[in-house]
Every structure is written in C-alpha cells, then in structure tokens.
C-alpha cells in the first residue's frame, strides 16, 4: 500500500502511542495541507480523530463527538477504505475510546 508521507505518519504513530493527540494533529497537518484527493481525506480524518481524543482528554465531550463525526464523514467519502484497507475498525475503536475504552493502536504500523 502506498503510504501518505511516511515520515509524517511515523512521527504521528509515535505520538499517538504516547497519547500526545494534539501533537499528532501538528505532525500530520503539513502533509495534509500538501496532499490531494483520497490521501487528503485520509489525513484529515486522522487529524480529526486525534482532535477528538484530545477534546475528550480535556473534558470537552461535545467537541470530541463533533470531531469524530467530521472524521467519519471524511472517511465515508472514501467508502471507509484506503488502498484496500478497511478504516472502520480504527474509526470505531476511536469512537469507543471517546466513551472510555482504550485508545486503539495506530493503524499503519506495517
């Protein structure tokens, strides 16, 4: 699978595992701004999921739900798939994390 901006994803993965969700957003934003098409939708969804988890951490439930909905809409435009990979398990894992479940592992470790 072609990876969008491998360096940005690698940095975001490390930050995600540390629970540094605002920093995930910051790591992905330049790649998102430079991307187009499906890659842009994928990266924007990841940024919005990180923002949702950061909002949850700060006790902003409404902001968390709003960002989750935005990410879901971006990925719905992709048919919840990116280069053959099903995005739904990660998206739903993030949704459960907003309700108190563990945060899912970063989806691009391979």
PDB file of N, CA and C in Angstrom:
ATOM      1  N   UNK A   1       0.844  -1.187   0.000  1.00  0.00           N
ATOM      2  CA  UNK A   1       0.000   0.000   0.000  1.00  0.00           C
ATOM      3  C   UNK A   1       0.884   1.244   0.000  1.00  0.00           C
ATOM      4  N   UNK A   2       0.596   2.173  -0.849  1.00  0.00           N
ATOM      5  CA  UNK A   2       1.308   3.449  -0.867  1.00  0.00           C
ATOM      6  C   UNK A   2       0.943   4.228   0.384  1.00  0.00           C
ATOM      7  N   UNK A   3       1.931   4.649   1.094  1.00  0.00           N
ATOM      8  CA  UNK A   3       1.720   5.395   2.334  1.00  0.00           C
ATOM      9  C   UNK A   3       1.748   6.885   2.058  1.00  0.00           C
ATOM     10  N   UNK A   4       0.798   7.627   2.606  1.00  0.00           N
ATOM     11  CA  UNK A   4       0.927   9.079   2.508  1.00  0.00           C
ATOM     12  C   UNK A   4       2.049   9.538   3.425  1.00  0.00           C
ATOM     13  N   UNK A   5       2.921  10.343   2.935  1.00  0.00           N
ATOM     14  CA  UNK A   5       4.009  10.955   3.693  1.00  0.00           C
ATOM     15  C   UNK A   5       4.480  10.082   4.861  1.00  0.00           C
ATOM     16  N   UNK A   6       5.323   9.133   4.551  1.00  0.00           N
ATOM     17  CA  UNK A   6       5.788   8.147   5.539  1.00  0.00           C
ATOM     18  C   UNK A   6       6.400   8.802   6.779  1.00  0.00           C
ATOM     19  N   UNK A   7       7.183   9.830   6.587  1.00  0.00           N
ATOM     20  CA  UNK A   7       7.828  10.492   7.729  1.00  0.00           C
ATOM     21  C   UNK A   7       6.784  11.066   8.691  1.00  0.00           C
ATOM     22  N   UNK A   8       5.778  11.731   8.140  1.00  0.00           N
ATOM     23  CA  UNK A   8       4.722  12.310   8.981  1.00  0.00           C
ATOM     24  C   UNK A   8       3.941  11.204   9.698  1.00  0.00           C
ATOM     25  N   UNK A   9       3.653  10.120   8.996  1.00  0.00           N
ATOM     26  CA  UNK A   9       2.922   9.011   9.626  1.00  0.00           C
ATOM     27  C   UNK A   9       3.742   8.348  10.725  1.00  0.00           C
ATOM     28  N   UNK A  10       5.040   8.182  10.492  1.00  0.00           N
ATOM     29  CA  UNK A  10       5.891   7.576  11.523  1.00  0.00           C
ATOM     30  C   UNK A  10       5.934   8.444  12.779  1.00  0.00           C
ATOM     31  N   UNK A  11       6.067   9.736  12.586  1.00  0.00           N
ATOM     32  CA  UNK A  11       6.083  10.654  13.736  1.00  0.00           C
ATOM     33  C   UNK A  11       4.727  10.634  14.438  1.00  0.00           C
ATOM     34  N   UNK A  12       3.654  10.669  13.665  1.00  0.00           N
ATOM     35  CA  UNK A  12       2.307  10.632  14.245  1.00  0.00           C
ATOM     36  C   UNK A  12       2.075   9.337  15.014  1.00  0.00           C
ATOM     37  N   UNK A  13       2.583   8.228  14.498  1.00  0.00           N
ATOM     38  CA  UNK A  13       2.419   6.931  15.183  1.00  0.00           C
ATOM     39  C   UNK A  13       3.074   6.955  16.557  1.00  0.00           C
ATOM     40  N   UNK A  14       4.290   7.477  16.626  1.00  0.00           N
ATOM     41  CA  UNK A  14       4.983   7.550  17.922  1.00  0.00           C
ATOM     42  C   UNK A  14       4.197   8.426  18.902  1.00  0.00           C
ATOM     43  N   UNK A  15       3.720   9.540  18.421  1.00  0.00           N
ATOM     44  CA  UNK A  15       2.968  10.464  19.276  1.00  0.00           C
ATOM     45  C   UNK A  15       1.631   9.857  19.707  1.00  0.00           C
ATOM     46  N   UNK A  16       0.977   9.151  18.794  1.00  0.00           N
ATOM     47  CA  UNK A  16      -0.304   8.503  19.098  1.00  0.00           C
ATOM     48  C   UNK A  16      -0.127   7.506  20.245  1.00  0.00           C
ATOM     49  N   UNK A  17       0.911   6.689  20.144  1.00  0.00           N
ATOM     50  CA  UNK A  17       1.155   5.680  21.180  1.00  0.00           C
ATOM     51  C   UNK A  17       1.465   6.325  22.528  1.00  0.00           C
ATOM     52  N   UNK A  18       1.988   7.541  22.523  1.00  0.00           N
ATOM     53  CA  UNK A  18       2.266   8.275  23.761  1.00  0.00           C
ATOM     54  C   UNK A  18       1.030   8.994  24.292  1.00  0.00           C
ATOM     55  N   UNK A  19      -0.048   9.001  23.488  1.00  0.00           N
ATOM     56  CA  UNK A  19      -1.246   9.726  23.883  1.00  0.00           C
ATOM     57  C   UNK A  19      -1.139  11.221  23.669  1.00  0.00           C
ATOM     58  N   UNK A  20      -0.200  11.635  22.841  1.00  0.00           N
ATOM     59  CA  UNK A  20       0.024  13.060  22.550  1.00  0.00           C
ATOM     60  C   UNK A  20      -0.792  13.444  21.314  1.00  0.00           C
ATOM     61  N   UNK A  21      -2.115  13.504  21.498  1.00  0.00           N
ATOM     62  CA  UNK A  21      -3.011  13.659  20.361  1.00  0.00           C
ATOM     63  C   UNK A  21      -2.923  15.033  19.697  1.00  0.00           C
ATOM     64  N   UNK A  22      -2.717  16.086  20.462  1.00  0.00           N
ATOM     65  CA  UNK A  22      -2.564  17.397  19.828  1.00  0.00           C
ATOM     66  C   UNK A  22      -1.320  17.396  18.939  1.00  0.00           C
ATOM     67  N   UNK A  23      -0.267  16.761  19.401  1.00  0.00           N
ATOM     68  CA  UNK A  23       0.962  16.692  18.632  1.00  0.00           C
ATOM     69  C   UNK A  23       0.793  15.831  17.375  1.00  0.00           C
ATOM     70  N   UNK A  24      -0.073  14.815  17.443  1.00  0.00           N
ATOM     71  CA  UNK A  24      -0.394  14.030  16.241  1.00  0.00           C
ATOM     72  C   UNK A  24      -0.974  14.962  15.187  1.00  0.00           C
ATOM     73  N   UNK A  25      -1.907  15.769  15.604  1.00  0.00           N
ATOM     74  CA  UNK A  25      -2.517  16.761  14.714  1.00  0.00           C
ATOM     75  C   UNK A  25      -1.444  17.632  14.074  1.00  0.00           C
ATOM     76  N   UNK A  26      -0.538  18.143  14.891  1.00  0.00           N
ATOM     77  CA  UNK A  26       0.528  19.016  14.398  1.00  0.00           C
ATOM     78  C   UNK A  26       1.466  18.284  13.442  1.00  0.00           C
ATOM     79  N   UNK A  27       1.753  17.016  13.714  1.00  0.00           N
ATOM     80  CA  UNK A  27       2.657  16.233  12.863  1.00  0.00           C
ATOM     81  C   UNK A  27       2.054  15.969  11.485  1.00  0.00           C
ATOM     82  N   UNK A  28       0.743  15.789  11.437  1.00  0.00           N
ATOM     83  CA  UNK A  28       0.087  15.442  10.175  1.00  0.00           C
ATOM     84  C   UNK A  28      -0.369  16.649   9.361  1.00  0.00           C
ATOM     85  N   UNK A  29      -0.530  17.781   9.998  1.00  0.00           N
ATOM     86  CA  UNK A  29      -1.111  18.931   9.303  1.00  0.00           C
ATOM     87  C   UNK A  29      -0.338  19.355   8.051  1.00  0.00           C
ATOM     88  N   UNK A  30       1.002  19.480   8.088  1.00  0.00           N
ATOM     89  CA  UNK A  30       1.699  19.880   6.855  1.00  0.00           C
ATOM     90  C   UNK A  30       1.492  18.874   5.709  1.00  0.00           C
ATOM     91  N   UNK A  31       1.513  17.582   6.020  1.00  0.00           N
ATOM     92  CA  UNK A  31       1.296  16.566   4.990  1.00  0.00           C
ATOM     93  C   UNK A  31      -0.127  16.668   4.444  1.00  0.00           C
ATOM     94  N   UNK A  32      -1.084  16.897   5.326  1.00  0.00           N
ATOM     95  CA  UNK A  32      -2.475  17.041   4.898  1.00  0.00           C
ATOM     96  C   UNK A  32      -2.625  18.247   3.971  1.00  0.00           C
ATOM     97  N   UNK A  33      -2.029  19.353   4.358  1.00  0.00           N
ATOM     98  CA  UNK A  33      -2.169  20.576   3.563  1.00  0.00           C
ATOM     99  C   UNK A  33      -1.537  20.420   2.174  1.00  0.00           C
ATOM    100  N   UNK A  34      -0.515  19.589   2.059  1.00  0.00           N
ATOM    101  CA  UNK A  34       0.161  19.386   0.772  1.00  0.00           C
ATOM    102  C   UNK A  34      -0.470  18.267  -0.059  1.00  0.00           C
ATOM    103  N   UNK A  35      -1.392  17.524   0.523  1.00  0.00           N
ATOM    104  CA  UNK A  35      -1.956  16.358  -0.158  1.00  0.00           C
ATOM    105  C   UNK A  35      -3.190  16.729  -0.973  1.00  0.00           C
ATOM    106  N   UNK A  36      -3.624  15.776  -1.778  1.00  0.00           N
ATOM    107  CA  UNK A  36      -4.813  15.938  -2.625  1.00  0.00           C
ATOM    108  C   UNK A  36      -5.613  14.637  -2.612  1.00  0.00           C
ATOM    109  N   UNK A  37      -6.849  14.732  -3.033  1.00  0.00           N
ATOM    110  CA  UNK A  37      -7.680  13.562  -3.269  1.00  0.00           C
ATOM    111  C   UNK A  37      -7.874  12.672  -2.052  1.00  0.00           C
ATOM    112  N   UNK A  38      -7.778  11.381  -2.286  1.00  0.00           N
ATOM    113  CA  UNK A  38      -8.019  10.403  -1.229  1.00  0.00           C
ATOM    114  C   UNK A  38      -7.041  10.551  -0.071  1.00  0.00           C
ATOM    115  N   UNK A  39      -5.786  10.815  -0.392  1.00  0.00           N
ATOM    116  CA  UNK A  39      -4.780  10.992   0.657  1.00  0.00           C
ATOM    117  C   UNK A  39      -5.175  12.148   1.580  1.00  0.00           C
ATOM    118  N   UNK A  40      -5.681  13.215   1.008  1.00  0.00           N
ATOM    119  CA  UNK A  40      -6.105  14.372   1.801  1.00  0.00           C
ATOM    120  C   UNK A  40      -7.252  13.992   2.744  1.00  0.00           C
ATOM    121  N   UNK A  41      -8.223  13.241   2.244  1.00  0.00           N
ATOM    122  CA  UNK A  41      -9.336  12.798   3.090  1.00  0.00           C
ATOM    123  C   UNK A  41      -8.857  11.886   4.213  1.00  0.00           C
ATOM    124  N   UNK A  42      -7.944  10.982   3.886  1.00  0.00           N
ATOM    125  CA  UNK A  42      -7.401  10.081   4.904  1.00  0.00           C
ATOM    126  C   UNK A  42      -6.717  10.875   6.010  1.00  0.00           C
ATOM    127  N   UNK A  43      -5.803  11.746   5.632  1.00  0.00           N
ATOM    128  CA  UNK A  43      -5.043  12.508   6.619  1.00  0.00           C
ATOM    129  C   UNK A  43      -5.935  13.446   7.432  1.00  0.00           C
ATOM    130  N   UNK A  44      -6.904  14.064   6.785  1.00  0.00           N
ATOM    131  CA  UNK A  44      -7.807  14.955   7.515  1.00  0.00           C
ATOM    132  C   UNK A  44      -8.614  14.165   8.537  1.00  0.00           C
ATOM    133  N   UNK A  45      -9.050  12.971   8.155  1.00  0.00           N
ATOM    134  CA  UNK A  45      -9.756  12.112   9.113  1.00  0.00           C
ATOM    135  C   UNK A  45      -8.882  11.751  10.297  1.00  0.00           C
ATOM    136  N   UNK A  46      -7.627  11.417  10.054  1.00  0.00           N
ATOM    137  CA  UNK A  46      -6.713  11.105  11.158  1.00  0.00           C
ATOM    138  C   UNK A  46      -6.527  12.312  12.075  1.00  0.00           C
ATOM    139  N   UNK A  47      -6.388  13.480  11.484  1.00  0.00           N
ATOM    140  CA  UNK A  47      -6.238  14.700  12.277  1.00  0.00           C
ATOM    141  C   UNK A  47      -7.476  14.920  13.132  1.00  0.00           C
ATOM    142  N   UNK A  48      -8.637  14.719  12.556  1.00  0.00           N
ATOM    143  CA  UNK A  48      -9.875  14.937  13.307  1.00  0.00           C
ATOM    144  C   UNK A  48     -10.062  13.897  14.404  1.00  0.00           C
ATOM    145  N   UNK A  49      -9.617  12.688  14.184  1.00  0.00           N
ATOM    146  CA  UNK A  49      -9.687  11.682  15.253  1.00  0.00           C
ATOM    147  C   UNK A  49      -8.752  12.051  16.399  1.00  0.00           C
ATOM    148  N   UNK A  50      -7.562  12.528  16.053  1.00  0.00           N
ATOM    149  CA  UNK A  50      -6.643  12.980  17.102  1.00  0.00           C
ATOM    150  C   UNK A  50      -7.254  14.151  17.869  1.00  0.00           C
ATOM    151  N   UNK A  51      -7.896  15.067  17.150  1.00  0.00           N
ATOM    152  CA  UNK A  51      -8.548  16.207  17.801  1.00  0.00           C
ATOM    153  C   UNK A  51      -9.690  15.739  18.697  1.00  0.00           C
ATOM    154  N   UNK A  52     -10.408  14.726  18.277  1.00  0.00           N
ATOM    155  CA  UNK A  52     -11.499  14.180  19.098  1.00  0.00           C
ATOM    156  C   UNK A  52     -10.951  13.622  20.408  1.00  0.00           C
ATOM    157  N   UNK A  53      -9.871  12.882  20.322  1.00  0.00           N
ATOM    158  CA  UNK A  53      -9.292  12.290  21.533  1.00  0.00           C
ATOM    159  C   UNK A  53      -8.680  13.357  22.439  1.00  0.00           C
ATOM    160  N   UNK A  54      -8.124  14.388  21.846  1.00  0.00           N
ATOM    161  CA  UNK A  54      -7.599  15.500  22.646  1.00  0.00           C
ATOM    162  C   UNK A  54      -8.752  16.235  23.337  1.00  0.00           C
ATOM    163  N   UNK A  55      -9.848  16.437  22.637  1.00  0.00           N
ATOM    164  CA  UNK A  55     -11.011  17.089  23.244  1.00  0.00           C
ATOM    165  C   UNK A  55     -11.546  16.250  24.409  1.00  0.00           C
ATOM    166  N   UNK A  56     -11.573  14.948  24.224  1.00  0.00           N
ATOM    167  CA  UNK A  56     -12.017  14.061  25.321  1.00  0.00           C
ATOM    168  C   UNK A  56     -11.098  14.209  26.528  1.00  0.00           C
ATOM    169  N   UNK A  57      -9.799  14.237  26.275  1.00  0.00           N
ATOM    170  CA  UNK A  57      -8.824  14.378  27.358  1.00  0.00           C
ATOM    171  C   UNK A  57      -9.055  15.672  28.134  1.00  0.00           C
ATOM    172  N   UNK A  58      -9.469  16.695  27.435  1.00  0.00           N
ATOM    173  CA  UNK A  58      -9.710  17.997  28.066  1.00  0.00           C
ATOM    174  C   UNK A  58     -11.126  18.133  28.630  1.00  0.00           C
ATOM    175  N   UNK A  59     -11.912  17.052  28.548  1.00  0.00           N
ATOM    176  CA  UNK A  59     -13.258  17.084  29.103  1.00  0.00           C
ATOM    177  C   UNK A  59     -14.278  17.784  28.228  1.00  0.00           C
ATOM    178  N   UNK A  60     -14.014  17.878  26.964  1.00  0.00           N
ATOM    179  CA  UNK A  60     -14.911  18.552  26.020  1.00  0.00           C
ATOM    180  C   UNK A  60     -15.636  17.516  25.166  1.00  0.00           C
ATOM    181  N   UNK A  61     -16.648  16.907  25.769  1.00  0.00           N
ATOM    182  CA  UNK A  61     -17.368  15.805  25.114  1.00  0.00           C
ATOM    183  C   UNK A  61     -18.006  16.236  23.799  1.00  0.00           C
ATOM    184  N   UNK A  62     -18.604  17.412  23.772  1.00  0.00           N
ATOM    185  CA  UNK A  62     -19.263  17.859  22.550  1.00  0.00           C
ATOM    186  C   UNK A  62     -18.252  18.044  21.416  1.00  0.00           C
ATOM    187  N   UNK A  63     -17.106  18.637  21.711  1.00  0.00           N
ATOM    188  CA  UNK A  63     -16.064  18.794  20.704  1.00  0.00           C
ATOM    189  C   UNK A  63     -15.523  17.454  20.235  1.00  0.00           C
ATOM    190  N   UNK A  64     -15.413  16.519  21.161  1.00  0.00           N
ATOM    191  CA  UNK A  64     -14.942  15.181  20.799  1.00  0.00           C
ATOM    192  C   UNK A  64     -15.909  14.522  19.816  1.00  0.00           C
ATOM    193  N   UNK A  65     -17.193  14.583  20.127  1.00  0.00           N
ATOM    194  CA  UNK A  65     -18.194  13.981  19.234  1.00  0.00           C
ATOM    195  C   UNK A  65     -18.223  14.684  17.878  1.00  0.00           C
ATOM    196  N   UNK A  66     -18.084  16.006  17.881  1.00  0.00           N
ATOM    197  CA  UNK A  66     -18.101  16.755  16.619  1.00  0.00           C
ATOM    198  C   UNK A  66     -16.921  16.361  15.731  1.00  0.00           C
ATOM    199  N   UNK A  67     -15.749  16.243  16.313  1.00  0.00           N
ATOM    200  CA  UNK A  67     -14.580  15.844  15.522  1.00  0.00           C
ATOM    201  C   UNK A  67     -14.693  14.412  15.029  1.00  0.00           C
ATOM    202  N   UNK A  68     -15.256  13.531  15.845  1.00  0.00           N
ATOM    203  CA  UNK A  68     -15.486  12.150  15.408  1.00  0.00           C
ATOM    204  C   UNK A  68     -16.423  12.146  14.203  1.00  0.00           C
ATOM    205  N   UNK A  69     -17.486  12.923  14.260  1.00  0.00           N
ATOM    206  CA  UNK A  69     -18.443  12.984  13.148  1.00  0.00           C
ATOM    207  C   UNK A  69     -17.780  13.518  11.882  1.00  0.00           C
ATOM    208  N   UNK A  70     -16.916  14.501  12.030  1.00  0.00           N
ATOM    209  CA  UNK A  70     -16.210  15.049  10.868  1.00  0.00           C
ATOM    210  C   UNK A  70     -15.278  14.000  10.253  1.00  0.00           C
ATOM    211  N   UNK A  71     -14.572  13.272  11.102  1.00  0.00           N
ATOM    212  CA  UNK A  71     -13.682  12.216  10.604  1.00  0.00           C
ATOM    213  C   UNK A  71     -14.494  11.140   9.897  1.00  0.00           C
ATOM    214  N   UNK A  72     -15.604  10.757  10.483  1.00  0.00           N
ATOM    215  CA  UNK A  72     -16.456   9.735   9.875  1.00  0.00           C
ATOM    216  C   UNK A  72     -16.926  10.200   8.491  1.00  0.00           C
ATOM    217  N   UNK A  73     -17.297  11.459   8.361  1.00  0.00           N
ATOM    218  CA  UNK A  73     -17.747  11.986   7.066  1.00  0.00           C
ATOM    219  C   UNK A  73     -16.625  11.963   6.033  1.00  0.00           C
ATOM    220  N   UNK A  74     -15.409  12.330   6.451  1.00  0.00           N
ATOM    221  CA  UNK A  74     -14.276  12.295   5.521  1.00  0.00           C
ATOM    222  C   UNK A  74     -14.042  10.873   5.030  1.00  0.00           C
ATOM    223  N   UNK A  75     -14.043   9.940   5.966  1.00  0.00           N
ATOM    224  CA  UNK A  75     -13.755   8.558   5.586  1.00  0.00           C
ATOM    225  C   UNK A  75     -14.921   7.903   4.885  1.00  0.00           C
ATOM    226  N   UNK A  76     -16.148   8.372   5.127  1.00  0.00           N
ATOM    227  CA  UNK A  76     -17.301   7.870   4.367  1.00  0.00           C
ATOM    228  C   UNK A  76     -17.129   8.217   2.893  1.00  0.00           C
ATOM    229  N   UNK A  77     -16.559   9.391   2.626  1.00  0.00           N
ATOM    230  CA  UNK A  77     -16.303   9.799   1.247  1.00  0.00           C
ATOM    231  C   UNK A  77     -15.298   8.860   0.566  1.00  0.00           C
ATOM    232  N   UNK A  78     -14.507   8.163   1.361  1.00  0.00           N
ATOM    233  CA  UNK A  78     -13.566   7.156   0.845  1.00  0.00           C
ATOM    234  C   UNK A  78     -14.189   5.763   0.799  1.00  0.00           C
ATOM    235  N   UNK A  79     -15.447   5.652   1.209  1.00  0.00           N
ATOM    236  CA  UNK A  79     -16.062   4.333   1.331  1.00  0.00           C
ATOM    237  C   UNK A  79     -15.466   3.553   2.485  1.00  0.00           C
ATOM    238  N   UNK A  80     -14.902   4.278   3.455  1.00  0.00           N
ATOM    239  CA  UNK A  80     -14.240   3.698   4.628  1.00  0.00           C
ATOM    240  C   UNK A  80     -13.095   2.764   4.241  1.00  0.00           C
ATOM    241  N   UNK A  81     -12.470   3.041   3.089  1.00  0.00           N
ATOM    242  CA  UNK A  81     -11.342   2.242   2.627  1.00  0.00           C
ATOM    243  C   UNK A  81     -10.269   3.179   2.088  1.00  0.00           C
ATOM    244  N   UNK A  82      -9.021   2.781   2.308  1.00  0.00           N
ATOM    245  CA  UNK A  82      -7.897   3.498   1.714  1.00  0.00           C
ATOM    246  C   UNK A  82      -6.913   2.471   1.195  1.00  0.00           C
ATOM    247  N   UNK A  83      -6.732   2.448  -0.107  1.00  0.00           N
ATOM    248  CA  UNK A  83      -5.839   1.481  -0.762  1.00  0.00           C
ATOM    249  C   UNK A  83      -6.103   0.061  -0.264  1.00  0.00           C
ATOM    250  N   UNK A  84      -7.370  -0.291  -0.220  1.00  0.00           N
ATOM    251  CA  UNK A  84      -7.767  -1.646   0.164  1.00  0.00           C
ATOM    252  C   UNK A  84      -7.880  -1.886   1.656  1.00  0.00           C
ATOM    253  N   UNK A  85      -7.474  -0.943   2.453  1.00  0.00           N
ATOM    254  CA  UNK A  85      -7.514  -1.110   3.911  1.00  0.00           C
ATOM    255  C   UNK A  85      -8.830  -0.572   4.468  1.00  0.00           C
ATOM    256  N   UNK A  86      -9.479  -1.394   5.290  1.00  0.00           N
ATOM    257  CA  UNK A  86     -10.744  -1.014   5.917  1.00  0.00           C
ATOM    258  C   UNK A  86     -10.455  -0.062   7.078  1.00  0.00           C
ATOM    259  N   UNK A  87     -10.987   1.138   7.005  1.00  0.00           N
ATOM    260  CA  UNK A  87     -10.771   2.159   8.031  1.00  0.00           C
ATOM    261  C   UNK A  87     -11.758   2.055   9.188  1.00  0.00           C
ATOM    262  N   UNK A  88     -12.826   1.291   9.017  1.00  0.00           N
ATOM    263  CA  UNK A  88     -13.878   1.234  10.041  1.00  0.00           C
ATOM    264  C   UNK A  88     -13.418   0.725  11.396  1.00  0.00           C
ATOM    265  N   UNK A  89     -12.601  -0.327  11.488  1.00  0.00           N
ATOM    266  CA  UNK A  89     -12.199  -0.783  12.817  1.00  0.00           C
ATOM    267  C   UNK A  89     -11.471   0.293  13.629  1.00  0.00           C
ATOM    268  N   UNK A  90     -10.603   1.039  12.983  1.00  0.00           N
ATOM    269  CA  UNK A  90      -9.883   2.099  13.684  1.00  0.00           C
ATOM    270  C   UNK A  90     -10.843   3.220  14.077  1.00  0.00           C
ATOM    271  N   UNK A  91     -11.704   3.605  13.162  1.00  0.00           N
ATOM    272  CA  UNK A  91     -12.686   4.653  13.437  1.00  0.00           C
ATOM    273  C   UNK A  91     -13.581   4.258  14.606  1.00  0.00           C
ATOM    274  N   UNK A  92     -14.081   3.054  14.585  1.00  0.00           N
ATOM    275  CA  UNK A  92     -14.968   2.605  15.668  1.00  0.00           C
ATOM    276  C   UNK A  92     -14.208   2.429  16.979  1.00  0.00           C
ATOM    277  N   UNK A  93     -12.947   2.032  16.902  1.00  0.00           N
ATOM    278  CA  UNK A  93     -12.118   1.968  18.105  1.00  0.00           C
ATOM    279  C   UNK A  93     -11.954   3.344  18.733  1.00  0.00           C
ATOM    280  N   UNK A  94     -11.785   4.352  17.890  1.00  0.00           N
ATOM    281  CA  UNK A  94     -11.694   5.726  18.401  1.00  0.00           C
ATOM    282  C   UNK A  94     -13.021   6.160  19.008  1.00  0.00           C
ATOM    283  N   UNK A  95     -14.126   5.779  18.381  1.00  0.00           N
ATOM    284  CA  UNK A  95     -15.446   6.111  18.930  1.00  0.00           C
ATOM    285  C   UNK A  95     -15.618   5.490  20.310  1.00  0.00           C
ATOM    286  N   UNK A  96     -15.209   4.245  20.456  1.00  0.00           N
ATOM    287  CA  UNK A  96     -15.296   3.576  21.775  1.00  0.00           C
ATOM    288  C   UNK A  96     -14.370   4.243  22.785  1.00  0.00           C
ATOM    289  N   UNK A  97     -13.205   4.707  22.323  1.00  0.00           N
ATOM    290  CA  UNK A  97     -12.269   5.387  23.225  1.00  0.00           C
ATOM    291  C   UNK A  97     -12.877   6.673  23.780  1.00  0.00           C
ATOM    292  N   UNK A  98     -13.704   7.329  23.003  1.00  0.00           N
ATOM    293  CA  UNK A  98     -14.364   8.534  23.495  1.00  0.00           C
ATOM    294  C   UNK A  98     -15.332   8.219  24.635  1.00  0.00           C
ATOM    295  N   UNK A  99     -15.741   6.954  24.708  1.00  0.00           N
ATOM    296  CA  UNK A  99     -16.648   6.516  25.774  1.00  0.00           C
ATOM    297  C   UNK A  99     -15.892   5.849  26.928  1.00  0.00           C
ATOM    298  N   UNK A 100     -14.564   5.841  26.851  1.00  0.00           N
ATOM    299  CA  UNK A 100     -13.773   5.313  27.953  1.00  0.00           C
ATOM    300  C   UNK A 100     -12.996   4.047  27.678  1.00  0.00           C
ATOM    301  N   UNK A 101     -13.182   3.448  26.513  1.00  0.00           N
ATOM    302  CA  UNK A 101     -12.411   2.249  26.155  1.00  0.00           C
ATOM    303  C   UNK A 101     -10.961   2.656  25.851  1.00  0.00           C
ATOM    304  N   UNK A 102     -10.057   1.703  25.820  1.00  0.00           N
ATOM    305  CA  UNK A 102      -8.672   2.036  25.452  1.00  0.00           C
ATOM    306  C   UNK A 102      -8.591   2.600  24.035  1.00  0.00           C
ATOM    307  N   UNK A 103      -7.651   3.483  23.828  1.00  0.00           N
ATOM    308  CA  UNK A 103      -7.419   4.065  22.502  1.00  0.00           C
ATOM    309  C   UNK A 103      -6.842   2.974  21.605  1.00  0.00           C
ATOM    310  N   UNK A 104      -7.369   2.843  20.384  1.00  0.00           N
ATOM    311  CA  UNK A 104      -6.842   1.798  19.503  1.00  0.00           C
ATOM    312  C   UNK A 104      -5.408   2.094  19.075  1.00  0.00           C
ATOM    313  N   UNK A 105      -4.708   1.042  18.713  1.00  0.00           N
ATOM    314  CA  UNK A 105      -3.341   1.184  18.206  1.00  0.00           C
ATOM    315  C   UNK A 105      -3.370   1.914  16.871  1.00  0.00           C
ATOM    316  N   UNK A 106      -2.295   2.612  16.585  1.00  0.00           N
ATOM    317  CA  UNK A 106      -2.144   3.319  15.312  1.00  0.00           C
ATOM    318  C   UNK A 106      -2.321   2.320  14.167  1.00  0.00           C
ATOM    319  N   UNK A 107      -3.074   2.670  13.132  1.00  0.00           N
ATOM    320  CA  UNK A 107      -3.419   1.670  12.105  1.00  0.00           C
ATOM    321  C   UNK A 107      -2.349   1.377  11.055  1.00  0.00           C
ATOM    322  N   UNK A 108      -1.267   2.150  11.008  1.00  0.00           N
ATOM    323  CA  UNK A 108      -0.259   1.935   9.963  1.00  0.00           C
ATOM    324  C   UNK A 108       1.091   1.592  10.557  1.00  0.00           C
ATOM    325  N   UNK A 109       1.151   0.492  11.243  1.00  0.00           N
ATOM    326  CA  UNK A 109       2.419   0.039  11.820  1.00  0.00           C
ATOM    327  C   UNK A 109       3.225  -0.786  10.827  1.00  0.00           C
ATOM    328  N   UNK A 110       2.597  -1.246   9.773  1.00  0.00           N
ATOM    329  CA  UNK A 110       3.303  -2.077   8.791  1.00  0.00           C
ATOM    330  C   UNK A 110       3.890  -1.275   7.682  1.00  0.00           C
TER     331      UNK A 110
END
